[in-house]
Amino acid sequence: MKTGLKHVWLILFFVGILLLNQPCWAQDPALEQIGDYGTIDWVGQKVIAKGIGAPPEEAYGKPKARPMAG
């Protein structure tokens, strides 16, 4: 009985070592990097991008032009 118990502990020890060596904390699966300036948040349902834009021609010179460019 004692030798069987030793084998069980030995197997559990090696399985534990194998599980600890797995790269399971590599990245957040909810975020997906797209290129250098974009990210998709699948859980939060958002697309995040960095860049520049131009406002519509009819909005030039108006206070609302800047938010419309993004």
PDB file of N, CA and C in Angstrom:
ATOM      1  N   MET A   1       0.824  -1.197   0.000  1.00  0.00           N
ATOM      2  CA  MET A   1       0.000   0.000   0.000  1.00  0.00           C
ATOM      3  C   MET A   1       0.868   1.260   0.000  1.00  0.00           C
ATOM      4  N   LYS A   2       1.962   1.243   0.760  1.00  0.00           N
ATOM      5  CA  LYS A   2       2.807   2.429   0.830  1.00  0.00           C
ATOM      6  C   LYS A   2       3.513   2.690  -0.495  1.00  0.00           C
ATOM      7  N   THR A   3       3.887   1.662  -1.220  1.00  0.00           N
ATOM      8  CA  THR A   3       4.557   1.874  -2.505  1.00  0.00           C
ATOM      9  C   THR A   3       3.575   2.448  -3.523  1.00  0.00           C
ATOM     10  N   GLY A   4       2.321   2.030  -3.466  1.00  0.00           N
ATOM     11  CA  GLY A   4       1.306   2.591  -4.365  1.00  0.00           C
ATOM     12  C   GLY A   4       1.076   4.057  -4.083  1.00  0.00           C
ATOM     13  N   LEU A   5       1.084   4.436  -2.809  1.00  0.00           N
ATOM     14  CA  LEU A   5       0.901   5.830  -2.416  1.00  0.00           C
ATOM     15  C   LEU A   5       2.095   6.677  -2.858  1.00  0.00           C
ATOM     16  N   LYS A   6       3.284   6.107  -2.803  1.00  0.00           N
ATOM     17  CA  LYS A   6       4.468   6.826  -3.269  1.00  0.00           C
ATOM     18  C   LYS A   6       4.388   7.108  -4.761  1.00  0.00           C
ATOM     19  N   HIS A   7       3.883   6.138  -5.518  1.00  0.00           N
ATOM     20  CA  HIS A   7       3.743   6.320  -6.968  1.00  0.00           C
ATOM     21  C   HIS A   7       2.720   7.404  -7.281  1.00  0.00           C
ATOM     22  N   VAL A   8       1.655   7.438  -6.541  1.00  0.00           N
ATOM     23  CA  VAL A   8       0.618   8.463  -6.770  1.00  0.00           C
ATOM     24  C   VAL A   8       1.197   9.849  -6.505  1.00  0.00           C
ATOM     25  N   TRP A   9       1.921  10.009  -5.402  1.00  0.00           N
ATOM     26  CA  TRP A   9       2.524  11.301  -5.085  1.00  0.00           C
ATOM     27  C   TRP A   9       3.572  11.690  -6.128  1.00  0.00           C
ATOM     28  N   LEU A  10       4.315  10.743  -6.599  1.00  0.00           N
ATOM     29  CA  LEU A  10       5.324  11.012  -7.621  1.00  0.00           C
ATOM     30  C   LEU A  10       4.668  11.473  -8.922  1.00  0.00           C
ATOM     31  N   ILE A  11       3.602  10.819  -9.313  1.00  0.00           N
ATOM     32  CA  ILE A  11       2.876  11.207 -10.531  1.00  0.00           C
ATOM     33  C   ILE A  11       2.263  12.592 -10.367  1.00  0.00           C
ATOM     34  N   LEU A  12       1.659  12.867  -9.223  1.00  0.00           N
ATOM     35  CA  LEU A  12       1.076  14.194  -8.983  1.00  0.00           C
ATOM     36  C   LEU A  12       2.145  15.282  -8.996  1.00  0.00           C
ATOM     37  N   PHE A  13       3.308  14.976  -8.459  1.00  0.00           N
ATOM     38  CA  PHE A  13       4.400  15.938  -8.459  1.00  0.00           C
ATOM     39  C   PHE A  13       4.813  16.301  -9.890  1.00  0.00           C
ATOM     40  N   PHE A  14       5.012  15.295 -10.745  1.00  0.00           N
ATOM     41  CA  PHE A  14       5.437  15.555 -12.121  1.00  0.00           C
ATOM     42  C   PHE A  14       4.340  16.231 -12.941  1.00  0.00           C
ATOM     43  N   VAL A  15       3.096  15.889 -12.708  1.00  0.00           N
ATOM     44  CA  VAL A  15       1.997  16.567 -13.405  1.00  0.00           C
ATOM     45  C   VAL A  15       1.946  18.035 -12.983  1.00  0.00           C
ATOM     46  N   GLY A  16       2.154  18.301 -11.702  1.00  0.00           N
ATOM     47  CA  GLY A  16       2.189  19.682 -11.220  1.00  0.00           C
ATOM     48  C   GLY A  16       3.310  20.482 -11.851  1.00  0.00           C
ATOM     49  N   ILE A  17       4.476  19.876 -11.979  1.00  0.00           N
ATOM     50  CA  ILE A  17       5.615  20.549 -12.626  1.00  0.00           C
ATOM     51  C   ILE A  17       5.286  20.862 -14.084  1.00  0.00           C
ATOM     52  N   LEU A  18       4.668  19.938 -14.786  1.00  0.00           N
ATOM     53  CA  LEU A  18       4.313  20.164 -16.190  1.00  0.00           C
ATOM     54  C   LEU A  18       3.291  21.284 -16.338  1.00  0.00           C
ATOM     55  N   LEU A  19       2.321  21.328 -15.437  1.00  0.00           N
ATOM     56  CA  LEU A  19       1.296  22.369 -15.523  1.00  0.00           C
ATOM     57  C   LEU A  19       1.846  23.746 -15.191  1.00  0.00           C
ATOM     58  N   LEU A  20       2.797  23.818 -14.297  1.00  0.00           N
ATOM     59  CA  LEU A  20       3.376  25.115 -13.946  1.00  0.00           C
ATOM     60  C   LEU A  20       4.243  25.683 -15.052  1.00  0.00           C
ATOM     61  N   ASN A  21       4.751  24.852 -15.916  1.00  0.00           N
ATOM     62  CA  ASN A  21       5.622  25.316 -16.996  1.00  0.00           C
ATOM     63  C   ASN A  21       4.860  25.769 -18.231  1.00  0.00           C
ATOM     64  N   GLN A  22       3.557  25.652 -18.255  1.00  0.00           N
ATOM     65  CA  GLN A  22       2.773  26.037 -19.428  1.00  0.00           C
ATOM     66  C   GLN A  22       2.607  27.549 -19.489  1.00  0.00           C
ATOM     67  N   PRO A  23       2.712  28.158 -20.675  1.00  0.00           N
ATOM     68  CA  PRO A  23       2.567  29.615 -20.811  1.00  0.00           C
ATOM     69  C   PRO A  23       1.093  30.033 -20.849  1.00  0.00           C
ATOM     70  N   CYS A  24       0.432  29.992 -19.726  1.00  0.00           N
ATOM     71  CA  CYS A  24      -1.005  30.291 -19.714  1.00  0.00           C
ATOM     72  C   CYS A  24      -1.300  31.748 -19.380  1.00  0.00           C
ATOM     73  N   TRP A  25      -0.295  32.543 -19.042  1.00  0.00           N
ATOM     74  CA  TRP A  25      -0.518  33.944 -18.734  1.00  0.00           C
ATOM     75  C   TRP A  25       0.125  34.826 -19.797  1.00  0.00           C
ATOM     76  N   ALA A  26       0.122  34.421 -21.028  1.00  0.00           N
ATOM     77  CA  ALA A  26       0.833  35.138 -22.077  1.00  0.00           C
ATOM     78  C   ALA A  26       0.172  36.472 -22.418  1.00  0.00           C
ATOM     79  N   GLN A  27      -1.132  36.507 -22.580  1.00  0.00           N
ATOM     80  CA  GLN A  27      -1.815  37.745 -22.919  1.00  0.00           C
ATOM     81  C   GLN A  27      -3.282  37.624 -22.553  1.00  0.00           C
ATOM     82  N   ASP A  28      -3.953  38.763 -22.562  1.00  0.00           N
ATOM     83  CA  ASP A  28      -5.377  38.792 -22.257  1.00  0.00           C
ATOM     84  C   ASP A  28      -6.135  38.327 -23.498  1.00  0.00           C
ATOM     85  N   PRO A  29      -6.910  37.237 -23.424  1.00  0.00           N
ATOM     86  CA  PRO A  29      -7.598  36.742 -24.620  1.00  0.00           C
ATOM     87  C   PRO A  29      -8.714  37.654 -25.090  1.00  0.00           C
ATOM     88  N   ALA A  30      -9.136  38.605 -24.256  1.00  0.00           N
ATOM     89  CA  ALA A  30     -10.216  39.501 -24.658  1.00  0.00           C
ATOM     90  C   ALA A  30      -9.712  40.617 -25.565  1.00  0.00           C
ATOM     91  N   LEU A  31      -8.412  40.895 -25.563  1.00  0.00           N
ATOM     92  CA  LEU A  31      -7.843  41.959 -26.384  1.00  0.00           C
ATOM     93  C   LEU A  31      -7.062  41.365 -27.542  1.00  0.00           C
ATOM     94  N   GLU A  32      -7.337  41.861 -28.721  1.00  0.00           N
ATOM     95  CA  GLU A  32      -6.627  41.389 -29.916  1.00  0.00           C
ATOM     96  C   GLU A  32      -5.937  42.576 -30.571  1.00  0.00           C
ATOM     97  N   GLN A  33      -4.621  42.521 -30.689  1.00  0.00           N
ATOM     98  CA  GLN A  33      -3.842  43.602 -31.279  1.00  0.00           C
ATOM     99  C   GLN A  33      -3.954  43.532 -32.797  1.00  0.00           C
ATOM    100  N   ILE A  34      -4.287  44.658 -33.421  1.00  0.00           N
ATOM    101  CA  ILE A  34      -4.402  44.749 -34.867  1.00  0.00           C
ATOM    102  C   ILE A  34      -3.388  45.787 -35.338  1.00  0.00           C
ATOM    103  N   GLY A  35      -2.345  45.332 -35.987  1.00  0.00           N
ATOM    104  CA  GLY A  35      -1.296  46.243 -36.442  1.00  0.00           C
ATOM    105  C   GLY A  35      -0.596  46.908 -35.271  1.00  0.00           C
ATOM    106  N   ASP A  36      -0.065  48.111 -35.521  1.00  0.00           N
ATOM    107  CA  ASP A  36       0.651  48.836 -34.474  1.00  0.00           C
ATOM    108  C   ASP A  36      -0.260  49.752 -33.665  1.00  0.00           C
ATOM    109  N   TYR A  37      -1.392  50.158 -34.218  1.00  0.00           N
ATOM    110  CA  TYR A  37      -2.179  51.202 -33.582  1.00  0.00           C
ATOM    111  C   TYR A  37      -3.622  50.811 -33.303  1.00  0.00           C
ATOM    112  N   GLY A  38      -3.968  49.558 -33.421  1.00  0.00           N
ATOM    113  CA  GLY A  38      -5.352  49.170 -33.209  1.00  0.00           C
ATOM    114  C   GLY A  38      -5.503  48.000 -32.258  1.00  0.00           C
ATOM    115  N   THR A  39      -6.613  47.979 -31.529  1.00  0.00           N
ATOM    116  CA  THR A  39      -6.920  46.912 -30.594  1.00  0.00           C
ATOM    117  C   THR A  39      -8.420  46.651 -30.629  1.00  0.00           C
ATOM    118  N   ILE A  40      -8.803  45.385 -30.537  1.00  0.00           N
ATOM    119  CA  ILE A  40     -10.209  45.016 -30.416  1.00  0.00           C
ATOM    120  C   ILE A  40     -10.412  44.418 -29.035  1.00  0.00           C
ATOM    121  N   ASP A  41     -11.368  44.988 -28.283  1.00  0.00           N
ATOM    122  CA  ASP A  41     -11.742  44.473 -26.971  1.00  0.00           C
ATOM    123  C   ASP A  41     -13.025  43.674 -27.172  1.00  0.00           C
ATOM    124  N   TRP A  42     -12.900  42.352 -27.243  1.00  0.00           N
ATOM    125  CA  TRP A  42     -14.050  41.504 -27.551  1.00  0.00           C
ATOM    126  C   TRP A  42     -15.053  41.458 -26.407  1.00  0.00           C
ATOM    127  N   VAL A  43     -14.591  41.534 -25.164  1.00  0.00           N
ATOM    128  CA  VAL A  43     -15.494  41.483 -24.022  1.00  0.00           C
ATOM    129  C   VAL A  43     -16.224  42.814 -23.854  1.00  0.00           C
ATOM    130  N   GLY A  44     -15.476  43.909 -23.940  1.00  0.00           N
ATOM    131  CA  GLY A  44     -16.077  45.236 -23.797  1.00  0.00           C
ATOM    132  C   GLY A  44     -16.751  45.734 -25.063  1.00  0.00           C
ATOM    133  N   GLN A  45     -16.619  45.010 -26.152  1.00  0.00           N
ATOM    134  CA  GLN A  45     -17.203  45.335 -27.457  1.00  0.00           C
ATOM    135  C   GLN A  45     -16.790  46.740 -27.912  1.00  0.00           C
ATOM    136  N   LYS A  46     -15.455  46.979 -27.918  1.00  0.00           N
ATOM    137  CA  LYS A  46     -14.907  48.265 -28.347  1.00  0.00           C
ATOM    138  C   LYS A  46     -13.789  48.040 -29.352  1.00  0.00           C
ATOM    139  N   VAL A  47     -13.645  48.979 -30.256  1.00  0.00           N
ATOM    140  CA  VAL A  47     -12.505  49.030 -31.161  1.00  0.00           C
ATOM    141  C   VAL A  47     -11.723  50.277 -30.793  1.00  0.00           C
ATOM    142  N   ILE A  48     -10.442  50.122 -30.519  1.00  0.00           N
ATOM    143  CA  ILE A  48      -9.597  51.233 -30.093  1.00  0.00           C
ATOM    144  C   ILE A  48      -8.536  51.430 -31.168  1.00  0.00           C
ATOM    145  N   ALA A  49      -8.443  52.660 -31.699  1.00  0.00           N
ATOM    146  CA  ALA A  49      -7.467  52.943 -32.749  1.00  0.00           C
ATOM    147  C   ALA A  49      -6.833  54.302 -32.496  1.00  0.00           C
ATOM    148  N   LYS A  50      -5.565  54.442 -32.903  1.00  0.00           N
ATOM    149  CA  LYS A  50      -4.848  55.708 -32.797  1.00  0.00           C
ATOM    150  C   LYS A  50      -4.479  56.131 -34.202  1.00  0.00           C
ATOM    151  N   GLY A  51      -4.715  57.383 -34.503  1.00  0.00           N
ATOM    152  CA  GLY A  51      -4.380  57.876 -35.830  1.00  0.00           C
ATOM    153  C   GLY A  51      -4.841  59.311 -35.994  1.00  0.00           C
ATOM    154  N   ILE A  52      -4.921  59.752 -37.242  1.00  0.00           N
ATOM    155  CA  ILE A  52      -5.371  61.106 -37.540  1.00  0.00           C
ATOM    156  C   ILE A  52      -6.546  61.028 -38.492  1.00  0.00           C
ATOM    157  N   GLY A  53      -7.337  62.097 -38.510  1.00  0.00           N
ATOM    158  CA  GLY A  53      -8.488  62.155 -39.406  1.00  0.00           C
ATOM    159  C   GLY A  53      -8.803  63.589 -39.763  1.00  0.00           C
ATOM    160  N   ALA A  54      -9.596  63.760 -40.759  1.00  0.00           N
ATOM    161  CA  ALA A  54     -10.009  65.099 -41.195  1.00  0.00           C
ATOM    162  C   ALA A  54     -11.519  65.222 -41.014  1.00  0.00           C
ATOM    163  N   PRO A  55     -11.983  66.397 -40.538  1.00  0.00           N
ATOM    164  CA  PRO A  55     -13.424  66.583 -40.376  1.00  0.00           C
ATOM    165  C   PRO A  55     -14.104  66.750 -41.737  1.00  0.00           C
ATOM    166  N   PRO A  56     -15.401  66.574 -41.779  1.00  0.00           N
ATOM    167  CA  PRO A  56     -16.117  66.808 -43.045  1.00  0.00           C
ATOM    168  C   PRO A  56     -15.960  68.267 -43.490  1.00  0.00           C
ATOM    169  N   GLU A  57     -16.025  68.508 -44.789  1.00  0.00           N
ATOM    170  CA  GLU A  57     -15.805  69.858 -45.322  1.00  0.00           C
ATOM    171  C   GLU A  57     -16.814  70.865 -44.784  1.00  0.00           C
ATOM    172  N   GLU A  58     -18.045  70.446 -44.553  1.00  0.00           N
ATOM    173  CA  GLU A  58     -19.058  71.391 -44.080  1.00  0.00           C
ATOM    174  C   GLU A  58     -18.853  71.782 -42.615  1.00  0.00           C
ATOM    175  N   ALA A  59     -17.952  71.123 -41.909  1.00  0.00           N
ATOM    176  CA  ALA A  59     -17.724  71.419 -40.491  1.00  0.00           C
ATOM    177  C   ALA A  59     -16.461  72.234 -40.245  1.00  0.00           C
ATOM    178  N   TYR A  60     -15.721  72.641 -41.281  1.00  0.00           N
ATOM    179  CA  TYR A  60     -14.487  73.397 -41.073  1.00  0.00           C
ATOM    180  C   TYR A  60     -14.785  74.704 -40.346  1.00  0.00           C
ATOM    181  N   GLY A  61     -13.964  75.017 -39.335  1.00  0.00           N
ATOM    182  CA  GLY A  61     -14.101  76.262 -38.602  1.00  0.00           C
ATOM    183  C   GLY A  61     -15.163  76.229 -37.513  1.00  0.00           C
ATOM    184  N   LYS A  62     -15.889  75.148 -37.370  1.00  0.00           N
ATOM    185  CA  LYS A  62     -16.933  75.063 -36.350  1.00  0.00           C
ATOM    186  C   LYS A  62     -16.382  74.321 -35.132  1.00  0.00           C
ATOM    187  N   PRO A  63     -16.886  74.634 -33.929  1.00  0.00           N
ATOM    188  CA  PRO A  63     -16.395  73.960 -32.726  1.00  0.00           C
ATOM    189  C   PRO A  63     -16.602  72.434 -32.736  1.00  0.00           C
ATOM    190  N   LYS A  64     -17.562  71.945 -33.459  1.00  0.00           N
ATOM    191  CA  LYS A  64     -17.806  70.494 -33.482  1.00  0.00           C
ATOM    192  C   LYS A  64     -16.933  69.771 -34.507  1.00  0.00           C
ATOM    193  N   ALA A  65     -16.082  70.481 -35.241  1.00  0.00           N
ATOM    194  CA  ALA A  65     -15.274  69.853 -36.289  1.00  0.00           C
ATOM    195  C   ALA A  65     -14.241  68.895 -35.716  1.00  0.00           C
ATOM    196  N   ARG A  66     -13.600  69.267 -34.615  1.00  0.00           N
ATOM    197  CA  ARG A  66     -12.536  68.434 -34.069  1.00  0.00           C
ATOM    198  C   ARG A  66     -13.067  67.073 -33.596  1.00  0.00           C
ATOM    199  N   PRO A  67     -14.151  67.002 -32.811  1.00  0.00           N
ATOM    200  CA  PRO A  67     -14.654  65.676 -32.407  1.00  0.00           C
ATOM    201  C   PRO A  67     -15.130  64.826 -33.590  1.00  0.00           C
ATOM    202  N   MET A  68     -15.574  65.469 -34.661  1.00  0.00           N
ATOM    203  CA  MET A  68     -16.061  64.735 -35.821  1.00  0.00           C
ATOM    204  C   MET A  68     -14.914  64.110 -36.608  1.00  0.00           C
ATOM    205  N   ALA A  69     -13.680  64.652 -36.437  1.00  0.00           N
ATOM    206  CA  ALA A  69     -12.531  64.134 -37.179  1.00  0.00           C
ATOM    207  C   ALA A  69     -12.078  62.804 -36.635  1.00  0.00           C
ATOM    208  N   GLY A  70     -12.333  62.509 -35.364  1.00  0.00           N
ATOM    209  CA  GLY A  70     -11.845  61.268 -34.750  1.00  0.00           C
ATOM    210  C   GLY A  70     -12.616  60.132 -35.223  1.00  0.00           C
TER     211      GLY A  70
END
